[in-house]
Amino acid sequence: MSKNIIKATDASFEADVLQAPGVVLVDFWAEWCGPCRALAPILDGLADEYPEIRVVKVNSDENRAVSEQCKVRGLPSLLLFVDGVERERVLGLTSKTRLAALVDQHLEA
């Protein structure tokens, strides 16, 4: 896992995501989820290529409170926050190109 990725928990989610300035991309995942495992290297690359954003991973099985709070219904779920406000949501495995386009859109705004 990239050194630029933060692991958040129920206890740290508010500080790591909701109070963080700028663009934060949150990956809700689980160990048993094949598409989640396939998405991991894509997020590693994104975190390394975009040091100006924060990439956060939340294990949904271990952090059920924040998963419920964010209304996560499927995995992987990617939520993009800007200054603590959810702006985008992507459900399922997606491409690095699509994620980069989403990030670019919100960095330029």
PDB file of N, CA and C in Angstrom:
ATOM      1  N   MET A   1       0.848  -1.185   0.000  1.00  0.00           N
ATOM      2  CA  MET A   1       0.000   0.000   0.000  1.00  0.00           C
ATOM      3  C   MET A   1       0.890   1.244   0.000  1.00  0.00           C
ATOM      4  N   SER A   2       0.486   2.234  -0.760  1.00  0.00           N
ATOM      5  CA  SER A   2       1.234   3.482  -0.868  1.00  0.00           C
ATOM      6  C   SER A   2       1.355   4.164   0.490  1.00  0.00           C
ATOM      7  N   LYS A   3       2.497   4.802   0.710  1.00  0.00           N
ATOM      8  CA  LYS A   3       2.689   5.553   1.957  1.00  0.00           C
ATOM      9  C   LYS A   3       1.791   6.791   1.999  1.00  0.00           C
ATOM     10  N   ASN A   4       1.199   7.144   0.858  1.00  0.00           N
ATOM     11  CA  ASN A   4       0.312   8.304   0.786  1.00  0.00           C
ATOM     12  C   ASN A   4      -1.142   7.973   1.098  1.00  0.00           C
ATOM     13  N   ILE A   5      -1.426   6.726   1.470  1.00  0.00           N
ATOM     14  CA  ILE A   5      -2.796   6.327   1.793  1.00  0.00           C
ATOM     15  C   ILE A   5      -2.947   6.251   3.309  1.00  0.00           C
ATOM     16  N   ILE A   6      -4.045   6.798   3.798  1.00  0.00           N
ATOM     17  CA  ILE A   6      -4.353   6.817   5.223  1.00  0.00           C
ATOM     18  C   ILE A   6      -5.407   5.758   5.509  1.00  0.00           C
ATOM     19  N   LYS A   7      -5.241   5.010   6.590  1.00  0.00           N
ATOM     20  CA  LYS A   7      -6.271   4.072   7.037  1.00  0.00           C
ATOM     21  C   LYS A   7      -7.098   4.771   8.112  1.00  0.00           C
ATOM     22  N   ALA A   8      -8.389   4.897   7.857  1.00  0.00           N
ATOM     23  CA  ALA A   8      -9.285   5.561   8.806  1.00  0.00           C
ATOM     24  C   ALA A   8     -10.152   4.526   9.514  1.00  0.00           C
ATOM     25  N   THR A   9     -10.617   4.895  10.694  1.00  0.00           N
ATOM     26  CA  THR A   9     -11.489   4.052  11.501  1.00  0.00           C
ATOM     27  C   THR A   9     -12.727   4.854  11.892  1.00  0.00           C
ATOM     28  N   ASP A  10     -13.654   4.181  12.564  1.00  0.00           N
ATOM     29  CA  ASP A  10     -14.821   4.904  13.089  1.00  0.00           C
ATOM     30  C   ASP A  10     -14.366   6.096  13.925  1.00  0.00           C
ATOM     31  N   ALA A  11     -13.324   5.891  14.721  1.00  0.00           N
ATOM     32  CA  ALA A  11     -12.847   6.929  15.639  1.00  0.00           C
ATOM     33  C   ALA A  11     -12.129   8.073  14.924  1.00  0.00           C
ATOM     34  N   SER A  12     -11.438   7.775  13.819  1.00  0.00           N
ATOM     35  CA  SER A  12     -10.625   8.816  13.175  1.00  0.00           C
ATOM     36  C   SER A  12     -11.273   9.425  11.930  1.00  0.00           C
ATOM     37  N   PHE A  13     -12.417   8.912  11.496  1.00  0.00           N
ATOM     38  CA  PHE A  13     -13.016   9.341  10.231  1.00  0.00           C
ATOM     39  C   PHE A  13     -13.296  10.842  10.192  1.00  0.00           C
ATOM     40  N   GLU A  14     -13.829  11.376  11.257  1.00  0.00           N
ATOM     41  CA  GLU A  14     -14.156  12.805  11.256  1.00  0.00           C
ATOM     42  C   GLU A  14     -12.906  13.646  11.029  1.00  0.00           C
ATOM     43  N   ALA A  15     -11.823  13.346  11.750  1.00  0.00           N
ATOM     44  CA  ALA A  15     -10.583  14.108  11.591  1.00  0.00           C
ATOM     45  C   ALA A  15      -9.917  13.834  10.243  1.00  0.00           C
ATOM     46  N   ASP A  16      -9.900  12.567   9.824  1.00  0.00           N
ATOM     47  CA  ASP A  16      -9.210  12.190   8.588  1.00  0.00           C
ATOM     48  C   ASP A  16      -9.941  12.634   7.328  1.00  0.00           C
ATOM     49  N   VAL A  17     -11.259  12.750   7.404  1.00  0.00           N
ATOM     50  CA  VAL A  17     -12.048  13.033   6.196  1.00  0.00           C
ATOM     51  C   VAL A  17     -12.884  14.306   6.334  1.00  0.00           C
ATOM     52  N   LEU A  18     -13.770  14.330   7.296  1.00  0.00           N
ATOM     53  CA  LEU A  18     -14.749  15.422   7.382  1.00  0.00           C
ATOM     54  C   LEU A  18     -14.136  16.762   7.754  1.00  0.00           C
ATOM     55  N   GLN A  19     -13.037  16.747   8.496  1.00  0.00           N
ATOM     56  CA  GLN A  19     -12.383  17.995   8.882  1.00  0.00           C
ATOM     57  C   GLN A  19     -11.175  18.319   8.012  1.00  0.00           C
ATOM     58  N   ALA A  20     -10.866  17.449   7.066  1.00  0.00           N
ATOM     59  CA  ALA A  20      -9.685  17.648   6.214  1.00  0.00           C
ATOM     60  C   ALA A  20      -9.991  18.662   5.112  1.00  0.00           C
ATOM     61  N   PRO A  21      -9.090  19.597   4.891  1.00  0.00           N
ATOM     62  CA  PRO A  21      -9.296  20.556   3.794  1.00  0.00           C
ATOM     63  C   PRO A  21      -8.997  19.920   2.442  1.00  0.00           C
ATOM     64  N   GLY A  22      -9.625  20.442   1.402  1.00  0.00           N
ATOM     65  CA  GLY A  22      -9.338  19.988   0.054  1.00  0.00           C
ATOM     66  C   GLY A  22     -10.049  18.713  -0.326  1.00  0.00           C
ATOM     67  N   VAL A  23      -9.470  18.010  -1.305  1.00  0.00           N
ATOM     68  CA  VAL A  23     -10.071  16.818  -1.893  1.00  0.00           C
ATOM     69  C   VAL A  23      -9.629  15.567  -1.120  1.00  0.00           C
ATOM     70  N   VAL A  24     -10.621  14.777  -0.708  1.00  0.00           N
ATOM     71  CA  VAL A  24     -10.367  13.516  -0.009  1.00  0.00           C
ATOM     72  C   VAL A  24     -11.156  12.412  -0.725  1.00  0.00           C
ATOM     73  N   LEU A  25     -10.454  11.363  -1.149  1.00  0.00           N
ATOM     74  CA  LEU A  25     -11.088  10.222  -1.796  1.00  0.00           C
ATOM     75  C   LEU A  25     -11.084   9.065  -0.811  1.00  0.00           C
ATOM     76  N   VAL A  26     -12.281   8.583  -0.449  1.00  0.00           N
ATOM     77  CA  VAL A  26     -12.417   7.534   0.556  1.00  0.00           C
ATOM     78  C   VAL A  26     -12.843   6.232  -0.122  1.00  0.00           C
ATOM     79  N   ASP A  27     -12.095   5.170   0.168  1.00  0.00           N
ATOM     80  CA  ASP A  27     -12.385   3.837  -0.355  1.00  0.00           C
ATOM     81  C   ASP A  27     -12.940   2.979   0.776  1.00  0.00           C
ATOM     82  N   PHE A  28     -14.214   2.617   0.678  1.00  0.00           N
ATOM     83  CA  PHE A  28     -14.809   1.660   1.612  1.00  0.00           C
ATOM     84  C   PHE A  28     -14.619   0.280   1.002  1.00  0.00           C
ATOM     85  N   TRP A  29     -13.966  -0.629   1.716  1.00  0.00           N
ATOM     86  CA  TRP A  29     -13.570  -1.922   1.178  1.00  0.00           C
ATOM     87  C   TRP A  29     -13.693  -2.993   2.262  1.00  0.00           C
ATOM     88  N   ALA A  30     -13.460  -4.255   1.848  1.00  0.00           N
ATOM     89  CA  ALA A  30     -13.426  -5.382   2.792  1.00  0.00           C
ATOM     90  C   ALA A  30     -12.432  -6.415   2.267  1.00  0.00           C
ATOM     91  N   GLU A  31     -11.864  -7.183   3.193  1.00  0.00           N
ATOM     92  CA  GLU A  31     -10.869  -8.214   2.847  1.00  0.00           C
ATOM     93  C   GLU A  31     -11.413  -9.227   1.842  1.00  0.00           C
ATOM     94  N   TRP A  32     -12.667  -9.627   1.990  1.00  0.00           N
ATOM     95  CA  TRP A  32     -13.257 -10.701   1.182  1.00  0.00           C
ATOM     96  C   TRP A  32     -13.696 -10.232  -0.208  1.00  0.00           C
ATOM     97  N   CYS A  33     -13.623  -8.944  -0.478  1.00  0.00           N
ATOM     98  CA  CYS A  33     -14.168  -8.347  -1.700  1.00  0.00           C
ATOM     99  C   CYS A  33     -13.131  -8.360  -2.824  1.00  0.00           C
ATOM    100  N   GLY A  34     -13.356  -9.196  -3.839  1.00  0.00           N
ATOM    101  CA  GLY A  34     -12.449  -9.284  -4.983  1.00  0.00           C
ATOM    102  C   GLY A  34     -12.264  -7.966  -5.723  1.00  0.00           C
ATOM    103  N   PRO A  35     -13.352  -7.265  -6.091  1.00  0.00           N
ATOM    104  CA  PRO A  35     -13.189  -5.973  -6.758  1.00  0.00           C
ATOM    105  C   PRO A  35     -12.426  -4.953  -5.893  1.00  0.00           C
ATOM    106  N   CYS A  36     -12.562  -5.060  -4.573  1.00  0.00           N
ATOM    107  CA  CYS A  36     -11.817  -4.166  -3.679  1.00  0.00           C
ATOM    108  C   CYS A  36     -10.322  -4.426  -3.811  1.00  0.00           C
ATOM    109  N   ARG A  37      -9.954  -5.695  -3.850  1.00  0.00           N
ATOM    110  CA  ARG A  37      -8.538  -6.052  -4.007  1.00  0.00           C
ATOM    111  C   ARG A  37      -8.013  -5.592  -5.370  1.00  0.00           C
ATOM    112  N   ALA A  38      -8.838  -5.677  -6.402  1.00  0.00           N
ATOM    113  CA  ALA A  38      -8.435  -5.227  -7.734  1.00  0.00           C
ATOM    114  C   ALA A  38      -8.271  -3.708  -7.787  1.00  0.00           C
ATOM    115  N   LEU A  39      -9.029  -3.001  -6.985  1.00  0.00           N
ATOM    116  CA  LEU A  39      -8.980  -1.540  -6.957  1.00  0.00           C
ATOM    117  C   LEU A  39      -7.764  -1.014  -6.192  1.00  0.00           C
ATOM    118  N   ALA A  40      -7.230  -1.789  -5.273  1.00  0.00           N
ATOM    119  CA  ALA A  40      -6.140  -1.338  -4.403  1.00  0.00           C
ATOM    120  C   ALA A  40      -4.933  -0.781  -5.169  1.00  0.00           C
ATOM    121  N   PRO A  41      -4.399  -1.480  -6.182  1.00  0.00           N
ATOM    122  CA  PRO A  41      -3.240  -0.902  -6.887  1.00  0.00           C
ATOM    123  C   PRO A  41      -3.583   0.363  -7.677  1.00  0.00           C
ATOM    124  N   ILE A  42      -4.833   0.483  -8.110  1.00  0.00           N
ATOM    125  CA  ILE A  42      -5.272   1.699  -8.806  1.00  0.00           C
ATOM    126  C   ILE A  42      -5.226   2.875  -7.839  1.00  0.00           C
ATOM    127  N   LEU A  43      -5.706   2.663  -6.623  1.00  0.00           N
ATOM    128  CA  LEU A  43      -5.687   3.727  -5.615  1.00  0.00           C
ATOM    129  C   LEU A  43      -4.270   4.053  -5.177  1.00  0.00           C
ATOM    130  N   ASP A  44      -3.406   3.035  -5.090  1.00  0.00           N
ATOM    131  CA  ASP A  44      -1.997   3.280  -4.763  1.00  0.00           C
ATOM    132  C   ASP A  44      -1.380   4.229  -5.781  1.00  0.00           C
ATOM    133  N   GLY A  45      -1.608   3.942  -7.062  1.00  0.00           N
ATOM    134  CA  GLY A  45      -1.070   4.787  -8.122  1.00  0.00           C
ATOM    135  C   GLY A  45      -1.632   6.193  -8.077  1.00  0.00           C
ATOM    136  N   LEU A  46      -2.923   6.308  -7.824  1.00  0.00           N
ATOM    137  CA  LEU A  46      -3.578   7.609  -7.736  1.00  0.00           C
ATOM    138  C   LEU A  46      -3.009   8.420  -6.574  1.00  0.00           C
ATOM    139  N   ALA A  47      -2.821   7.778  -5.425  1.00  0.00           N
ATOM    140  CA  ALA A  47      -2.284   8.461  -4.243  1.00  0.00           C
ATOM    141  C   ALA A  47      -0.876   8.977  -4.513  1.00  0.00           C
ATOM    142  N   ASP A  48      -0.082   8.203  -5.252  1.00  0.00           N
ATOM    143  CA  ASP A  48       1.286   8.626  -5.568  1.00  0.00           C
ATOM    144  C   ASP A  48       1.318   9.743  -6.608  1.00  0.00           C
ATOM    145  N   GLU A  49       0.392   9.707  -7.559  1.00  0.00           N
ATOM    146  CA  GLU A  49       0.368  10.704  -8.628  1.00  0.00           C
ATOM    147  C   GLU A  49      -0.290  12.020  -8.206  1.00  0.00           C
ATOM    148  N   TYR A  50      -1.125  11.970  -7.173  1.00  0.00           N
ATOM    149  CA  TYR A  50      -1.826  13.169  -6.706  1.00  0.00           C
ATOM    150  C   TYR A  50      -1.520  13.421  -5.227  1.00  0.00           C
ATOM    151  N   PRO A  51      -0.298  13.856  -4.919  1.00  0.00           N
ATOM    152  CA  PRO A  51       0.031  14.086  -3.503  1.00  0.00           C
ATOM    153  C   PRO A  51      -0.777  15.226  -2.875  1.00  0.00           C
ATOM    154  N   GLU A  52      -1.433  16.039  -3.707  1.00  0.00           N
ATOM    155  CA  GLU A  52      -2.223  17.148  -3.173  1.00  0.00           C
ATOM    156  C   GLU A  52      -3.594  16.715  -2.664  1.00  0.00           C
ATOM    157  N   ILE A  53      -3.978  15.466  -2.908  1.00  0.00           N
ATOM    158  CA  ILE A  53      -5.239  14.963  -2.360  1.00  0.00           C
ATOM    159  C   ILE A  53      -4.927  13.962  -1.256  1.00  0.00           C
ATOM    160  N   ARG A  54      -5.945  13.646  -0.499  1.00  0.00           N
ATOM    161  CA  ARG A  54      -5.833  12.644   0.554  1.00  0.00           C
ATOM    162  C   ARG A  54      -6.627  11.427   0.116  1.00  0.00           C
ATOM    163  N   VAL A  55      -5.977  10.259   0.101  1.00  0.00           N
ATOM    164  CA  VAL A  55      -6.659   9.001  -0.206  1.00  0.00           C
ATOM    165  C   VAL A  55      -6.771   8.228   1.109  1.00  0.00           C
ATOM    166  N   VAL A  56      -8.007   7.867   1.447  1.00  0.00           N
ATOM    167  CA  VAL A  56      -8.296   7.234   2.740  1.00  0.00           C
ATOM    168  C   VAL A  56      -8.995   5.907   2.490  1.00  0.00           C
ATOM    169  N   LYS A  57      -8.565   4.871   3.201  1.00  0.00           N
ATOM    170  CA  LYS A  57      -9.208   3.555   3.108  1.00  0.00           C
ATOM    171  C   LYS A  57      -9.918   3.255   4.423  1.00  0.00           C
ATOM    172  N   VAL A  58     -11.149   2.752   4.314  1.00  0.00           N
ATOM    173  CA  VAL A  58     -11.936   2.364   5.486  1.00  0.00           C
ATOM    174  C   VAL A  58     -12.383   0.919   5.294  1.00  0.00           C
ATOM    175  N   ASN A  59     -11.955   0.041   6.179  1.00  0.00           N
ATOM    176  CA  ASN A  59     -12.400  -1.347   6.146  1.00  0.00           C
ATOM    177  C   ASN A  59     -13.831  -1.378   6.693  1.00  0.00           C
ATOM    178  N   SER A  60     -14.790  -1.651   5.814  1.00  0.00           N
ATOM    179  CA  SER A  60     -16.210  -1.594   6.196  1.00  0.00           C
ATOM    180  C   SER A  60     -16.591  -2.631   7.244  1.00  0.00           C
ATOM    181  N   ASP A  61     -15.955  -3.794   7.215  1.00  0.00           N
ATOM    182  CA  ASP A  61     -16.272  -4.829   8.204  1.00  0.00           C
ATOM    183  C   ASP A  61     -15.839  -4.413   9.603  1.00  0.00           C
ATOM    184  N   GLU A  62     -14.730  -3.692   9.697  1.00  0.00           N
ATOM    185  CA  GLU A  62     -14.189  -3.292  10.992  1.00  0.00           C
ATOM    186  C   GLU A  62     -14.714  -1.941  11.460  1.00  0.00           C
ATOM    187  N   ASN A  63     -15.330  -1.188  10.567  1.00  0.00           N
ATOM    188  CA  ASN A  63     -15.787   0.169  10.895  1.00  0.00           C
ATOM    189  C   ASN A  63     -17.222   0.372  10.414  1.00  0.00           C
ATOM    190  N   ARG A  64     -18.115  -0.359  11.045  1.00  0.00           N
ATOM    191  CA  ARG A  64     -19.513  -0.360  10.612  1.00  0.00           C
ATOM    192  C   ARG A  64     -20.229   0.965  10.867  1.00  0.00           C
ATOM    193  N   ALA A  65     -19.864   1.669  11.918  1.00  0.00           N
ATOM    194  CA  ALA A  65     -20.560   2.917  12.244  1.00  0.00           C
ATOM    195  C   ALA A  65     -20.382   3.949  11.132  1.00  0.00           C
ATOM    196  N   VAL A  66     -19.149   4.148  10.690  1.00  0.00           N
ATOM    197  CA  VAL A  66     -18.917   5.146   9.649  1.00  0.00           C
ATOM    198  C   VAL A  66     -19.458   4.657   8.300  1.00  0.00           C
ATOM    199  N   SER A  67     -19.441   3.360   8.064  1.00  0.00           N
ATOM    200  CA  SER A  67     -20.029   2.819   6.837  1.00  0.00           C
ATOM    201  C   SER A  67     -21.530   3.095   6.799  1.00  0.00           C
ATOM    202  N   GLU A  68     -22.199   2.935   7.937  1.00  0.00           N
ATOM    203  CA  GLU A  68     -23.631   3.245   8.017  1.00  0.00           C
ATOM    204  C   GLU A  68     -23.868   4.747   7.900  1.00  0.00           C
ATOM    205  N   GLN A  69     -23.032   5.532   8.567  1.00  0.00           N
ATOM    206  CA  GLN A  69     -23.154   6.988   8.532  1.00  0.00           C
ATOM    207  C   GLN A  69     -23.071   7.508   7.089  1.00  0.00           C
ATOM    208  N   CYS A  70     -22.200   6.895   6.296  1.00  0.00           N
ATOM    209  CA  CYS A  70     -22.015   7.310   4.900  1.00  0.00           C
ATOM    210  C   CYS A  70     -22.945   6.570   3.935  1.00  0.00           C
ATOM    211  N   LYS A  71     -23.826   5.733   4.483  1.00  0.00           N
ATOM    212  CA  LYS A  71     -24.808   4.992   3.685  1.00  0.00           C
ATOM    213  C   LYS A  71     -24.150   4.137   2.605  1.00  0.00           C
ATOM    214  N   VAL A  72     -23.098   3.423   2.999  1.00  0.00           N
ATOM    215  CA  VAL A  72     -22.405   2.516   2.084  1.00  0.00           C
ATOM    216  C   VAL A  72     -23.247   1.258   1.959  1.00  0.00           C
ATOM    217  N   ARG A  73     -23.662   0.935   0.737  1.00  0.00           N
ATOM    218  CA  ARG A  73     -24.544  -0.207   0.494  1.00  0.00           C
ATOM    219  C   ARG A  73     -23.879  -1.309  -0.322  1.00  0.00           C
ATOM    220  N   GLY A  74     -22.730  -1.031  -0.915  1.00  0.00           N
ATOM    221  CA  GLY A  74     -22.016  -2.011  -1.716  1.00  0.00           C
ATOM    222  C   GLY A  74     -20.531  -1.716  -1.686  1.00  0.00           C
ATOM    223  N   LEU A  75     -19.736  -2.717  -2.040  1.00  0.00           N
ATOM    224  CA  LEU A  75     -18.285  -2.551  -2.009  1.00  0.00           C
ATOM    225  C   LEU A  75     -17.684  -2.924  -3.352  1.00  0.00           C
ATOM    226  N   PRO A  76     -16.628  -2.270  -3.748  1.00  0.00           N
ATOM    227  CA  PRO A  76     -16.084  -1.072  -3.122  1.00  0.00           C
ATOM    228  C   PRO A  76     -16.975   0.141  -3.398  1.00  0.00           C
ATOM    229  N   SER A  77     -16.969   1.059  -2.449  1.00  0.00           N
ATOM    230  CA  SER A  77     -17.636   2.348  -2.622  1.00  0.00           C
ATOM    231  C   SER A  77     -16.583   3.431  -2.457  1.00  0.00           C
ATOM    232  N   LEU A  78     -16.508   4.299  -3.441  1.00  0.00           N
ATOM    233  CA  LEU A  78     -15.573   5.416  -3.398  1.00  0.00           C
ATOM    234  C   LEU A  78     -16.366   6.698  -3.236  1.00  0.00           C
ATOM    235  N   LEU A  79     -16.062   7.438  -2.184  1.00  0.00           N
ATOM    236  CA  LEU A  79     -16.724   8.706  -1.923  1.00  0.00           C
ATOM    237  C   LEU A  79     -15.687   9.804  -2.018  1.00  0.00           C
ATOM    238  N   LEU A  80     -15.985  10.846  -2.775  1.00  0.00           N
ATOM    239  CA  LEU A  80     -15.081  11.965  -2.918  1.00  0.00           C
ATOM    240  C   LEU A  80     -15.645  13.147  -2.141  1.00  0.00           C
ATOM    241  N   PHE A  81     -14.861  13.629  -1.203  1.00  0.00           N
ATOM    242  CA  PHE A  81     -15.247  14.762  -0.368  1.00  0.00           C
ATOM    243  C   PHE A  81     -14.399  15.972  -0.747  1.00  0.00           C
ATOM    244  N   VAL A  82     -15.003  17.153  -0.708  1.00  0.00           N
ATOM    245  CA  VAL A  82     -14.268  18.403  -0.875  1.00  0.00           C
ATOM    246  C   VAL A  82     -14.593  19.252   0.343  1.00  0.00           C
ATOM    247  N   ASP A  83     -13.570  19.568   1.111  1.00  0.00           N
ATOM    248  CA  ASP A  83     -13.729  20.348   2.348  1.00  0.00           C
ATOM    249  C   ASP A  83     -14.803  19.758   3.256  1.00  0.00           C
ATOM    250  N   GLY A  84     -14.809  18.426   3.375  1.00  0.00           N
ATOM    251  CA  GLY A  84     -15.707  17.741   4.294  1.00  0.00           C
ATOM    252  C   GLY A  84     -17.104  17.462   3.783  1.00  0.00           C
ATOM    253  N   VAL A  85     -17.387  17.834   2.524  1.00  0.00           N
ATOM    254  CA  VAL A  85     -18.717  17.632   1.950  1.00  0.00           C
ATOM    255  C   VAL A  85     -18.616  16.606   0.819  1.00  0.00           C
ATOM    256  N   GLU A  86     -19.479  15.578   0.872  1.00  0.00           N
ATOM    257  CA  GLU A  86     -19.466  14.574  -0.192  1.00  0.00           C
ATOM    258  C   GLU A  86     -19.937  15.194  -1.502  1.00  0.00           C
ATOM    259  N   ARG A  87     -19.112  15.017  -2.549  1.00  0.00           N
ATOM    260  CA  ARG A  87     -19.432  15.585  -3.868  1.00  0.00           C
ATOM    261  C   ARG A  87     -19.696  14.531  -4.929  1.00  0.00           C
ATOM    262  N   GLU A  88     -19.071  13.353  -4.793  1.00  0.00           N
ATOM    263  CA  GLU A  88     -19.216  12.291  -5.789  1.00  0.00           C
ATOM    264  C   GLU A  88     -19.228  10.948  -5.083  1.00  0.00           C
ATOM    265  N   ARG A  89     -19.829   9.952  -5.762  1.00  0.00           N
ATOM    266  CA  ARG A  89     -19.874   8.584  -5.247  1.00  0.00           C
ATOM    267  C   ARG A  89     -19.755   7.635  -6.433  1.00  0.00           C
ATOM    268  N   VAL A  90     -18.823   6.683  -6.332  1.00  0.00           N
ATOM    269  CA  VAL A  90     -18.619   5.681  -7.381  1.00  0.00           C
ATOM    270  C   VAL A  90     -18.744   4.321  -6.718  1.00  0.00           C
ATOM    271  N   LEU A  91     -19.636   3.497  -7.238  1.00  0.00           N
ATOM    272  CA  LEU A  91     -19.843   2.159  -6.688  1.00  0.00           C
ATOM    273  C   LEU A  91     -19.231   1.132  -7.620  1.00  0.00           C
ATOM    274  N   GLY A  92     -18.429   0.233  -7.063  1.00  0.00           N
ATOM    275  CA  GLY A  92     -17.839  -0.847  -7.838  1.00  0.00           C
ATOM    276  C   GLY A  92     -16.463  -0.504  -8.369  1.00  0.00           C
ATOM    277  N   LEU A  93     -15.873  -1.490  -9.009  1.00  0.00           N
ATOM    278  CA  LEU A  93     -14.543  -1.348  -9.591  1.00  0.00           C
ATOM    279  C   LEU A  93     -14.601  -0.340 -10.727  1.00  0.00           C
ATOM    280  N   THR A  94     -13.648   0.566 -10.755  1.00  0.00           N
ATOM    281  CA  THR A  94     -13.595   1.587 -11.795  1.00  0.00           C
ATOM    282  C   THR A  94     -12.154   1.774 -12.240  1.00  0.00           C
ATOM    283  N   SER A  95     -11.976   2.491 -13.322  1.00  0.00           N
ATOM    284  CA  SER A  95     -10.641   2.661 -13.884  1.00  0.00           C
ATOM    285  C   SER A  95      -9.903   3.837 -13.249  1.00  0.00           C
ATOM    286  N   LYS A  96      -8.596   3.773 -13.359  1.00  0.00           N
ATOM    287  CA  LYS A  96      -7.758   4.882 -12.881  1.00  0.00           C
ATOM    288  C   LYS A  96      -8.061   6.147 -13.678  1.00  0.00           C
ATOM    289  N   THR A  97      -8.346   5.982 -14.966  1.00  0.00           N
ATOM    290  CA  THR A  97      -8.670   7.125 -15.823  1.00  0.00           C
ATOM    291  C   THR A  97      -9.905   7.850 -15.314  1.00  0.00           C
ATOM    292  N   ARG A  98     -10.928   7.091 -14.955  1.00  0.00           N
ATOM    293  CA  ARG A  98     -12.170   7.707 -14.457  1.00  0.00           C
ATOM    294  C   ARG A  98     -11.940   8.410 -13.128  1.00  0.00           C
ATOM    295  N   LEU A  99     -11.187   7.754 -12.239  1.00  0.00           N
ATOM    296  CA  LEU A  99     -10.912   8.373 -10.945  1.00  0.00           C
ATOM    297  C   LEU A  99     -10.061   9.632 -11.091  1.00  0.00           C
ATOM    298  N   ALA A 100      -9.072   9.581 -11.976  1.00  0.00           N
ATOM    299  CA  ALA A 100      -8.230  10.760 -12.203  1.00  0.00           C
ATOM    300  C   ALA A 100      -9.062  11.916 -12.750  1.00  0.00           C
ATOM    301  N   ALA A 101      -9.996  11.623 -13.640  1.00  0.00           N
ATOM    302  CA  ALA A 101     -10.874  12.656 -14.193  1.00  0.00           C
ATOM    303  C   ALA A 101     -11.739  13.283 -13.094  1.00  0.00           C
ATOM    304  N   LEU A 102     -12.260  12.448 -12.190  1.00  0.00           N
ATOM    305  CA  LEU A 102     -13.049  12.958 -11.061  1.00  0.00           C
ATOM    306  C   LEU A 102     -12.216  13.872 -10.184  1.00  0.00           C
ATOM    307  N   VAL A 103     -11.018  13.417  -9.853  1.00  0.00           N
ATOM    308  CA  VAL A 103     -10.126  14.216  -9.002  1.00  0.00           C
ATOM    309  C   VAL A 103      -9.785  15.525  -9.690  1.00  0.00           C
ATOM    310  N   ASP A 104      -9.407  15.452 -10.967  1.00  0.00           N
ATOM    311  CA  ASP A 104      -9.050  16.670 -11.725  1.00  0.00           C
ATOM    312  C   ASP A 104     -10.199  17.677 -11.716  1.00  0.00           C
ATOM    313  N   GLN A 105     -11.408  17.166 -11.909  1.00  0.00           N
ATOM    314  CA  GLN A 105     -12.586  18.039 -11.949  1.00  0.00           C
ATOM    315  C   GLN A 105     -12.714  18.830 -10.642  1.00  0.00           C
ATOM    316  N   HIS A 106     -12.446  18.189  -9.517  1.00  0.00           N
ATOM    317  CA  HIS A 106     -12.632  18.867  -8.235  1.00  0.00           C
ATOM    318  C   HIS A 106     -11.410  19.661  -7.803  1.00  0.00           C
ATOM    319  N   LEU A 107     -10.249  19.333  -8.338  1.00  0.00           N
ATOM    320  CA  LEU A 107      -9.062  20.148  -8.063  1.00  0.00           C
ATOM    321  C   LEU A 107      -9.136  21.478  -8.807  1.00  0.00           C
ATOM    322  N   GLU A 108      -9.751  21.449  -9.979  1.00  0.00           N
ATOM    323  CA  GLU A 108      -9.847  22.648 -10.797  1.00  0.00           C
ATOM    324  C   GLU A 108     -10.985  23.569 -10.357  1.00  0.00           C
ATOM    325  N   ALA A 109     -11.930  23.034  -9.613  1.00  0.00           N
ATOM    326  CA  ALA A 109     -13.110  23.823  -9.214  1.00  0.00           C
ATOM    327  C   ALA A 109     -12.753  24.890  -8.204  1.00  0.00           C
TER     328      ALA A 109
END
